[in-house]
């Protein structure tokens, strides 16, 4: 059975609790894969074609904003002082997979918060960036938020 890309999109701004949604996605993946939730790790992609999602439970997440940097889908970079405080984050494909260990080199673990108050951490998302940009971005307190 073929899925249309629109069926897999979820805008986090429309959800009362994005954290509960992510937990439910992980639970459903564990059930369909017949494994423990603890065996699953989040996986993220920005350059896969939406029409060719690899799992029945892949979802395209929209409605996020980035503070302290900019991301074009391939690389995280520092913003200029005149840039807006919050920049729209490109849609990303989120899934939970077994035995996935993301590489830590050339990635920055970027926190995703439920609001700009930074009071509830939903997860950390590894975003690709150069070693030179990493320190600047950490000092800029880079973070993702549900807009």
N, C-alpha and C. Protein backbone atom coordinates (compact mmCIF):
# COMPACT_ATOMS: atom_id res chain seq x y z
N UNK A 1 0.84 -1.17 0.00
CA UNK A 1 0.00 0.00 0.00
C UNK A 1 0.89 1.25 0.00
N UNK A 2 0.63 2.14 -0.89
CA UNK A 2 1.41 3.36 -1.03
C UNK A 2 0.78 4.48 -0.20
N UNK A 3 1.64 5.28 0.42
CA UNK A 3 1.17 6.41 1.21
C UNK A 3 1.46 7.70 0.49
N UNK A 4 0.58 8.65 0.65
CA UNK A 4 0.84 9.98 0.13
C UNK A 4 1.61 10.77 1.18
N UNK A 5 2.54 11.61 0.78
CA UNK A 5 3.35 12.36 1.74
C UNK A 5 2.52 13.17 2.74
N UNK A 6 1.40 13.75 2.30
CA UNK A 6 0.59 14.59 3.16
C UNK A 6 0.08 13.82 4.37
N UNK A 7 -0.15 12.53 4.23
CA UNK A 7 -0.67 11.72 5.33
C UNK A 7 0.35 11.58 6.45
N UNK A 8 1.60 11.83 6.19
CA UNK A 8 2.66 11.63 7.18
C UNK A 8 3.14 12.92 7.81
N UNK A 9 2.51 14.03 7.52
CA UNK A 9 2.95 15.31 8.07
C UNK A 9 2.21 15.62 9.36
N UNK A 10 2.97 16.15 10.31
CA UNK A 10 2.36 16.62 11.56
C UNK A 10 3.01 17.95 11.91
N UNK A 11 2.17 18.93 12.17
CA UNK A 11 2.65 20.24 12.56
C UNK A 11 2.59 20.30 14.08
N UNK A 12 3.74 20.40 14.71
CA UNK A 12 3.81 20.36 16.17
C UNK A 12 3.06 21.52 16.83
N UNK A 13 2.86 22.63 16.11
CA UNK A 13 2.12 23.75 16.70
C UNK A 13 0.65 23.39 16.89
N UNK A 14 0.16 22.39 16.17
CA UNK A 14 -1.24 21.98 16.29
C UNK A 14 -1.47 20.94 17.38
N UNK A 15 -0.40 20.49 18.03
CA UNK A 15 -0.52 19.46 19.05
C UNK A 15 -0.51 20.07 20.44
N UNK A 16 -1.37 19.56 21.31
CA UNK A 16 -1.39 20.01 22.70
C UNK A 16 -0.12 19.57 23.42
N UNK A 17 0.35 18.35 23.10
CA UNK A 17 1.55 17.82 23.75
C UNK A 17 2.43 17.10 22.73
N UNK A 18 3.36 17.81 22.11
CA UNK A 18 4.26 17.16 21.15
C UNK A 18 5.07 16.02 21.78
N UNK A 19 5.40 16.14 23.06
CA UNK A 19 6.14 15.09 23.75
C UNK A 19 5.35 13.80 23.82
N UNK A 20 4.05 13.91 24.07
CA UNK A 20 3.19 12.72 24.10
C UNK A 20 3.10 12.10 22.71
N UNK A 21 3.07 12.93 21.68
CA UNK A 21 3.03 12.41 20.31
C UNK A 21 4.30 11.62 20.00
N UNK A 22 5.46 12.16 20.37
CA UNK A 22 6.72 11.45 20.12
C UNK A 22 6.78 10.13 20.89
N UNK A 23 6.28 10.15 22.11
CA UNK A 23 6.25 8.93 22.91
C UNK A 23 5.33 7.89 22.28
N UNK A 24 4.18 8.32 21.79
CA UNK A 24 3.23 7.40 21.14
C UNK A 24 3.83 6.84 19.85
N UNK A 25 4.56 7.66 19.11
CA UNK A 25 5.22 7.20 17.89
C UNK A 25 6.25 6.13 18.22
N UNK A 26 6.99 6.35 19.28
CA UNK A 26 7.99 5.38 19.71
C UNK A 26 7.32 4.08 20.18
N UNK A 27 6.23 4.19 20.92
CA UNK A 27 5.50 3.01 21.39
C UNK A 27 4.95 2.21 20.22
N UNK A 28 4.36 2.90 19.26
CA UNK A 28 3.78 2.22 18.09
C UNK A 28 4.87 1.55 17.26
N UNK A 29 6.02 2.20 17.13
CA UNK A 29 7.14 1.59 16.40
C UNK A 29 7.61 0.33 17.11
N UNK A 30 7.73 0.39 18.44
CA UNK A 30 8.15 -0.79 19.21
C UNK A 30 7.16 -1.93 19.02
N UNK A 31 5.90 -1.60 19.01
CA UNK A 31 4.87 -2.63 18.81
C UNK A 31 4.98 -3.26 17.42
N UNK A 32 5.13 -2.42 16.40
CA UNK A 32 5.20 -2.95 15.02
C UNK A 32 6.51 -3.69 14.75
N UNK A 33 7.59 -3.31 15.44
CA UNK A 33 8.88 -3.97 15.27
C UNK A 33 9.06 -5.14 16.24
N UNK A 34 8.09 -5.31 17.13
CA UNK A 34 8.14 -6.38 18.13
C UNK A 34 9.42 -6.30 18.97
N UNK A 35 9.68 -5.11 19.51
CA UNK A 35 10.87 -4.91 20.33
C UNK A 35 10.54 -3.97 21.49
N UNK A 36 11.47 -3.82 22.38
CA UNK A 36 11.31 -2.92 23.51
C UNK A 36 11.48 -1.46 23.06
N UNK A 37 10.77 -0.57 23.71
CA UNK A 37 10.94 0.86 23.41
C UNK A 37 12.37 1.30 23.68
N UNK A 38 13.02 0.65 24.64
CA UNK A 38 14.39 1.03 25.00
C UNK A 38 15.41 0.65 23.93
N UNK A 39 15.00 -0.22 23.00
CA UNK A 39 15.89 -0.60 21.90
C UNK A 39 15.83 0.39 20.74
N UNK A 40 14.93 1.35 20.81
CA UNK A 40 14.72 2.30 19.71
C UNK A 40 15.37 3.64 20.00
N UNK A 41 15.96 4.22 18.97
CA UNK A 41 16.57 5.54 19.05
C UNK A 41 15.97 6.41 17.95
N UNK A 42 15.84 7.72 18.22
CA UNK A 42 15.30 8.59 17.17
C UNK A 42 16.29 8.76 16.02
N UNK A 43 15.75 8.86 14.84
CA UNK A 43 16.54 9.09 13.63
C UNK A 43 15.92 10.29 12.90
N UNK A 44 16.76 11.14 12.34
CA UNK A 44 16.30 12.37 11.71
C UNK A 44 16.90 12.51 10.32
N UNK A 45 16.14 13.10 9.41
CA UNK A 45 16.63 13.33 8.06
C UNK A 45 15.98 14.58 7.49
N UNK A 46 16.72 15.30 6.69
CA UNK A 46 16.19 16.49 6.03
C UNK A 46 16.30 16.41 4.52
N UNK A 47 17.06 15.49 3.99
CA UNK A 47 17.25 15.46 2.54
C UNK A 47 16.72 14.19 1.89
N UNK A 48 15.94 13.40 2.59
CA UNK A 48 15.30 12.25 1.95
C UNK A 48 14.05 12.74 1.22
N UNK A 49 13.69 12.05 0.17
CA UNK A 49 12.49 12.43 -0.56
C UNK A 49 11.27 11.95 0.23
N UNK A 50 10.31 12.84 0.42
CA UNK A 50 9.13 12.51 1.21
C UNK A 50 8.36 11.33 0.64
N UNK A 51 8.41 11.15 -0.66
CA UNK A 51 7.66 10.07 -1.29
C UNK A 51 8.27 8.70 -0.98
N UNK A 52 9.51 8.66 -0.53
CA UNK A 52 10.20 7.40 -0.30
C UNK A 52 10.55 7.18 1.17
N UNK A 53 9.61 7.47 2.04
CA UNK A 53 9.86 7.26 3.46
C UNK A 53 10.08 5.78 3.70
N UNK A 54 11.06 5.46 4.55
CA UNK A 54 11.50 4.08 4.70
C UNK A 54 10.62 3.25 5.62
N UNK A 55 9.93 3.84 6.52
CA UNK A 55 9.15 3.11 7.50
C UNK A 55 7.70 3.55 7.46
N UNK A 56 6.82 2.65 7.84
CA UNK A 56 5.41 3.01 7.93
C UNK A 56 5.20 4.10 8.95
N UNK A 57 6.11 4.19 9.91
CA UNK A 57 5.93 5.13 11.01
C UNK A 57 6.84 6.34 10.94
N UNK A 58 7.46 6.58 9.78
CA UNK A 58 8.19 7.83 9.59
C UNK A 58 7.16 8.96 9.55
N UNK A 59 7.53 10.10 10.07
CA UNK A 59 6.62 11.24 10.05
C UNK A 59 7.41 12.50 9.71
N UNK A 60 6.80 13.38 8.97
CA UNK A 60 7.41 14.66 8.62
C UNK A 60 6.93 15.68 9.64
N UNK A 61 7.87 16.22 10.42
CA UNK A 61 7.55 17.18 11.47
C UNK A 61 7.75 18.59 10.95
N UNK A 62 6.75 19.42 11.16
CA UNK A 62 6.80 20.83 10.78
C UNK A 62 6.45 21.67 12.01
N UNK A 63 6.60 22.97 11.88
CA UNK A 63 6.19 23.88 12.95
C UNK A 63 7.25 24.13 14.01
N UNK A 64 8.52 24.00 13.63
CA UNK A 64 9.60 24.28 14.57
C UNK A 64 10.33 25.54 14.16
N UNK A 65 10.91 26.22 15.14
CA UNK A 65 11.75 27.39 14.86
C UNK A 65 13.09 27.19 15.56
N UNK A 66 14.11 27.84 15.01
CA UNK A 66 15.47 27.74 15.51
C UNK A 66 15.92 29.10 16.04
N UNK A 67 16.55 29.10 17.20
CA UNK A 67 17.10 30.32 17.77
C UNK A 67 18.61 30.15 17.94
N UNK A 68 19.36 31.16 17.53
CA UNK A 68 20.80 31.15 17.72
C UNK A 68 21.58 30.61 16.54
N UNK A 69 20.92 30.29 15.45
CA UNK A 69 21.60 29.78 14.27
C UNK A 69 20.64 29.65 13.11
N UNK A 70 21.17 29.15 11.99
CA UNK A 70 20.31 28.88 10.83
C UNK A 70 20.68 27.50 10.28
N UNK A 71 19.70 26.85 9.71
CA UNK A 71 19.89 25.49 9.20
C UNK A 71 19.19 25.38 7.86
N UNK A 72 19.94 24.97 6.83
CA UNK A 72 19.39 24.88 5.48
C UNK A 72 19.04 23.45 5.07
N UNK A 73 19.09 22.52 6.00
CA UNK A 73 18.82 21.13 5.68
C UNK A 73 20.08 20.30 5.53
N UNK A 74 21.22 20.97 5.42
CA UNK A 74 22.48 20.25 5.30
C UNK A 74 23.50 20.65 6.35
N UNK A 75 23.49 21.92 6.78
CA UNK A 75 24.50 22.38 7.72
C UNK A 75 23.97 23.49 8.62
N UNK A 76 24.34 23.40 9.88
CA UNK A 76 23.97 24.40 10.88
C UNK A 76 25.05 25.47 10.90
N UNK A 77 24.62 26.74 10.92
CA UNK A 77 25.57 27.85 10.90
C UNK A 77 25.13 28.95 11.85
N UNK A 78 26.09 29.77 12.21
CA UNK A 78 25.82 30.95 13.04
C UNK A 78 25.04 31.97 12.21
N UNK A 79 24.18 32.73 12.87
CA UNK A 79 23.45 33.79 12.18
C UNK A 79 24.15 35.13 12.40
N UNK A 80 23.79 36.10 11.60
CA UNK A 80 24.31 37.45 11.75
C UNK A 80 23.55 38.16 12.87
N UNK A 81 24.15 39.17 13.42
CA UNK A 81 23.52 39.92 14.51
C UNK A 81 22.19 40.55 14.09
N UNK A 82 22.04 40.86 12.82
CA UNK A 82 20.81 41.49 12.35
C UNK A 82 19.70 40.48 12.00
N UNK A 83 19.99 39.20 12.12
CA UNK A 83 19.00 38.16 11.79
C UNK A 83 17.89 38.14 12.84
N UNK A 84 16.70 37.69 12.46
CA UNK A 84 15.62 37.58 13.43
C UNK A 84 15.98 36.59 14.54
N UNK A 85 15.35 36.76 15.71
CA UNK A 85 15.63 35.87 16.85
C UNK A 85 15.26 34.43 16.53
N UNK A 86 14.14 34.23 15.85
CA UNK A 86 13.65 32.89 15.53
C UNK A 86 13.57 32.73 14.02
N UNK A 87 14.11 31.62 13.53
CA UNK A 87 14.12 31.32 12.10
C UNK A 87 13.37 30.01 11.89
N UNK A 88 12.50 29.97 10.88
CA UNK A 88 11.77 28.73 10.58
C UNK A 88 12.74 27.59 10.32
N UNK A 89 12.44 26.45 10.90
CA UNK A 89 13.27 25.26 10.73
C UNK A 89 12.65 24.41 9.63
N UNK A 90 13.45 23.85 8.72
CA UNK A 90 12.87 23.07 7.63
C UNK A 90 12.18 21.80 8.13
N UNK A 91 11.18 21.32 7.42
CA UNK A 91 10.54 20.06 7.82
C UNK A 91 11.57 18.94 7.92
N UNK A 92 11.39 18.07 8.91
CA UNK A 92 12.33 16.97 9.08
C UNK A 92 11.56 15.66 9.22
N UNK A 93 12.20 14.61 8.76
CA UNK A 93 11.63 13.27 8.88
C UNK A 93 12.13 12.67 10.19
N UNK A 94 11.19 12.23 11.01
CA UNK A 94 11.52 11.63 12.30
C UNK A 94 11.01 10.20 12.31
N UNK A 95 11.85 9.29 12.77
CA UNK A 95 11.43 7.90 12.96
C UNK A 95 12.22 7.34 14.13
N UNK A 96 11.79 6.20 14.61
CA UNK A 96 12.51 5.50 15.66
C UNK A 96 13.00 4.19 15.07
N UNK A 97 14.29 3.93 15.24
CA UNK A 97 14.91 2.76 14.63
C UNK A 97 15.73 2.00 15.67
N UNK A 98 15.93 0.72 15.39
CA UNK A 98 16.74 -0.13 16.27
C UNK A 98 18.22 0.08 16.03
N UNK A 99 18.98 -0.09 17.10
CA UNK A 99 20.44 -0.13 17.01
C UNK A 99 21.03 1.02 16.21
N UNK A 100 20.51 2.19 16.38
CA UNK A 100 21.02 3.35 15.66
C UNK A 100 21.85 4.20 16.61
N UNK A 101 23.10 4.38 16.29
CA UNK A 101 23.98 5.24 17.07
C UNK A 101 24.45 6.37 16.16
N UNK A 102 23.92 7.57 16.38
CA UNK A 102 24.34 8.68 15.51
C UNK A 102 25.81 9.02 15.74
N UNK A 103 26.45 9.46 14.70
CA UNK A 103 27.84 9.88 14.84
C UNK A 103 27.87 11.19 15.60
N UNK A 104 28.81 11.33 16.47
CA UNK A 104 28.90 12.54 17.28
C UNK A 104 29.81 13.58 16.64
N UNK A 105 30.64 13.14 15.71
CA UNK A 105 31.55 14.05 15.04
C UNK A 105 30.78 14.87 14.01
N UNK A 106 31.08 16.14 13.97
CA UNK A 106 30.45 17.07 13.03
C UNK A 106 28.94 17.19 13.21
N UNK A 107 28.48 16.94 14.44
CA UNK A 107 27.08 17.14 14.79
C UNK A 107 27.02 17.89 16.11
N UNK A 108 25.97 18.67 16.28
CA UNK A 108 25.73 19.36 17.53
C UNK A 108 24.39 18.90 18.08
N UNK A 109 24.39 18.35 19.28
CA UNK A 109 23.15 17.93 19.92
C UNK A 109 22.37 19.19 20.28
N UNK A 110 21.28 19.43 19.56
CA UNK A 110 20.50 20.65 19.71
C UNK A 110 19.21 20.35 20.45
N UNK A 111 18.97 21.02 21.57
CA UNK A 111 17.74 20.74 22.32
C UNK A 111 16.49 21.23 21.60
N UNK A 112 15.43 20.44 21.70
CA UNK A 112 14.10 20.82 21.19
C UNK A 112 13.21 21.01 22.41
N UNK A 113 12.74 22.25 22.61
CA UNK A 113 11.89 22.58 23.74
C UNK A 113 10.45 22.77 23.27
N UNK A 114 9.52 22.59 24.20
CA UNK A 114 8.10 22.75 23.87
C UNK A 114 7.72 24.21 23.69
N UNK A 115 8.52 25.13 24.26
CA UNK A 115 8.25 26.56 24.10
C UNK A 115 9.55 27.34 24.25
N UNK A 116 9.48 28.62 23.90
CA UNK A 116 10.69 29.45 23.99
C UNK A 116 11.09 29.75 25.43
N UNK A 117 10.27 29.36 26.39
CA UNK A 117 10.63 29.52 27.80
C UNK A 117 11.69 28.50 28.23
N UNK A 118 11.94 27.51 27.37
CA UNK A 118 12.94 26.46 27.62
C UNK A 118 12.66 25.70 28.92
N UNK A 119 11.38 25.52 29.22
CA UNK A 119 11.03 24.86 30.47
C UNK A 119 10.76 23.36 30.32
N UNK A 120 10.54 22.88 29.11
CA UNK A 120 10.27 21.45 28.92
C UNK A 120 11.04 20.94 27.71
N UNK A 121 12.05 20.12 27.97
CA UNK A 121 12.87 19.53 26.91
C UNK A 121 12.13 18.33 26.32
N UNK A 122 11.94 18.32 25.00
CA UNK A 122 11.28 17.20 24.34
C UNK A 122 12.29 16.13 23.91
N UNK A 123 13.39 16.56 23.34
CA UNK A 123 14.47 15.66 22.90
C UNK A 123 15.63 16.49 22.40
N UNK A 124 16.74 15.82 22.12
CA UNK A 124 17.87 16.48 21.49
C UNK A 124 18.00 15.95 20.08
N UNK A 125 18.26 16.85 19.15
CA UNK A 125 18.34 16.50 17.73
C UNK A 125 19.76 16.80 17.26
N UNK A 126 20.47 15.79 16.74
CA UNK A 126 21.83 16.04 16.24
C UNK A 126 21.77 16.75 14.89
N UNK A 127 22.28 17.96 14.85
CA UNK A 127 22.28 18.73 13.61
C UNK A 127 23.71 18.81 13.08
N UNK A 128 23.89 18.57 11.78
CA UNK A 128 25.24 18.61 11.21
C UNK A 128 25.80 20.03 11.22
N UNK A 129 27.06 20.14 11.63
CA UNK A 129 27.74 21.43 11.60
C UNK A 129 29.24 21.19 11.60
N UNK A 130 29.96 22.19 11.19
CA UNK A 130 31.42 22.08 11.18
C UNK A 130 31.97 22.25 12.60
N UNK A 131 33.17 21.78 12.81
CA UNK A 131 33.81 21.93 14.12
C UNK A 131 34.01 23.40 14.45
N UNK A 132 34.30 24.21 13.44
CA UNK A 132 34.52 25.64 13.66
C UNK A 132 33.24 26.34 14.13
N UNK A 133 32.09 25.91 13.62
CA UNK A 133 30.82 26.53 13.98
C UNK A 133 30.31 26.05 15.34
N UNK A 134 30.69 24.86 15.75
CA UNK A 134 30.14 24.25 16.97
C UNK A 134 30.28 25.15 18.20
N UNK A 135 31.49 25.65 18.45
CA UNK A 135 31.71 26.49 19.64
C UNK A 135 30.88 27.78 19.58
N UNK A 136 30.83 28.39 18.41
CA UNK A 136 30.04 29.62 18.25
C UNK A 136 28.56 29.36 18.53
N UNK A 137 28.06 28.23 18.04
CA UNK A 137 26.65 27.90 18.22
C UNK A 137 26.32 27.57 19.67
N UNK A 138 27.25 26.93 20.36
CA UNK A 138 27.04 26.64 21.78
C UNK A 138 26.97 27.94 22.57
N UNK A 139 27.87 28.87 22.26
CA UNK A 139 27.86 30.17 22.93
C UNK A 139 26.60 30.98 22.61
N UNK A 140 26.03 30.75 21.44
CA UNK A 140 24.80 31.44 21.04
C UNK A 140 23.56 30.80 21.66
N UNK A 141 23.75 29.76 22.46
CA UNK A 141 22.63 29.04 23.11
C UNK A 141 21.61 28.55 22.10
N UNK A 142 22.09 27.91 21.06
CA UNK A 142 21.22 27.44 20.00
C UNK A 142 20.19 26.43 20.54
N UNK A 143 18.97 26.55 20.04
CA UNK A 143 17.90 25.64 20.47
C UNK A 143 16.77 25.67 19.46
N UNK A 144 16.01 24.58 19.45
CA UNK A 144 14.80 24.48 18.64
C UNK A 144 13.59 24.60 19.55
N UNK A 145 12.50 25.15 19.01
CA UNK A 145 11.28 25.33 19.77
C UNK A 145 10.07 24.97 18.90
N UNK A 146 9.00 24.55 19.54
CA UNK A 146 7.73 24.43 18.84
C UNK A 146 7.22 25.86 18.72
N UNK A 147 6.93 26.29 17.49
CA UNK A 147 6.54 27.70 17.29
C UNK A 147 5.11 27.98 17.70
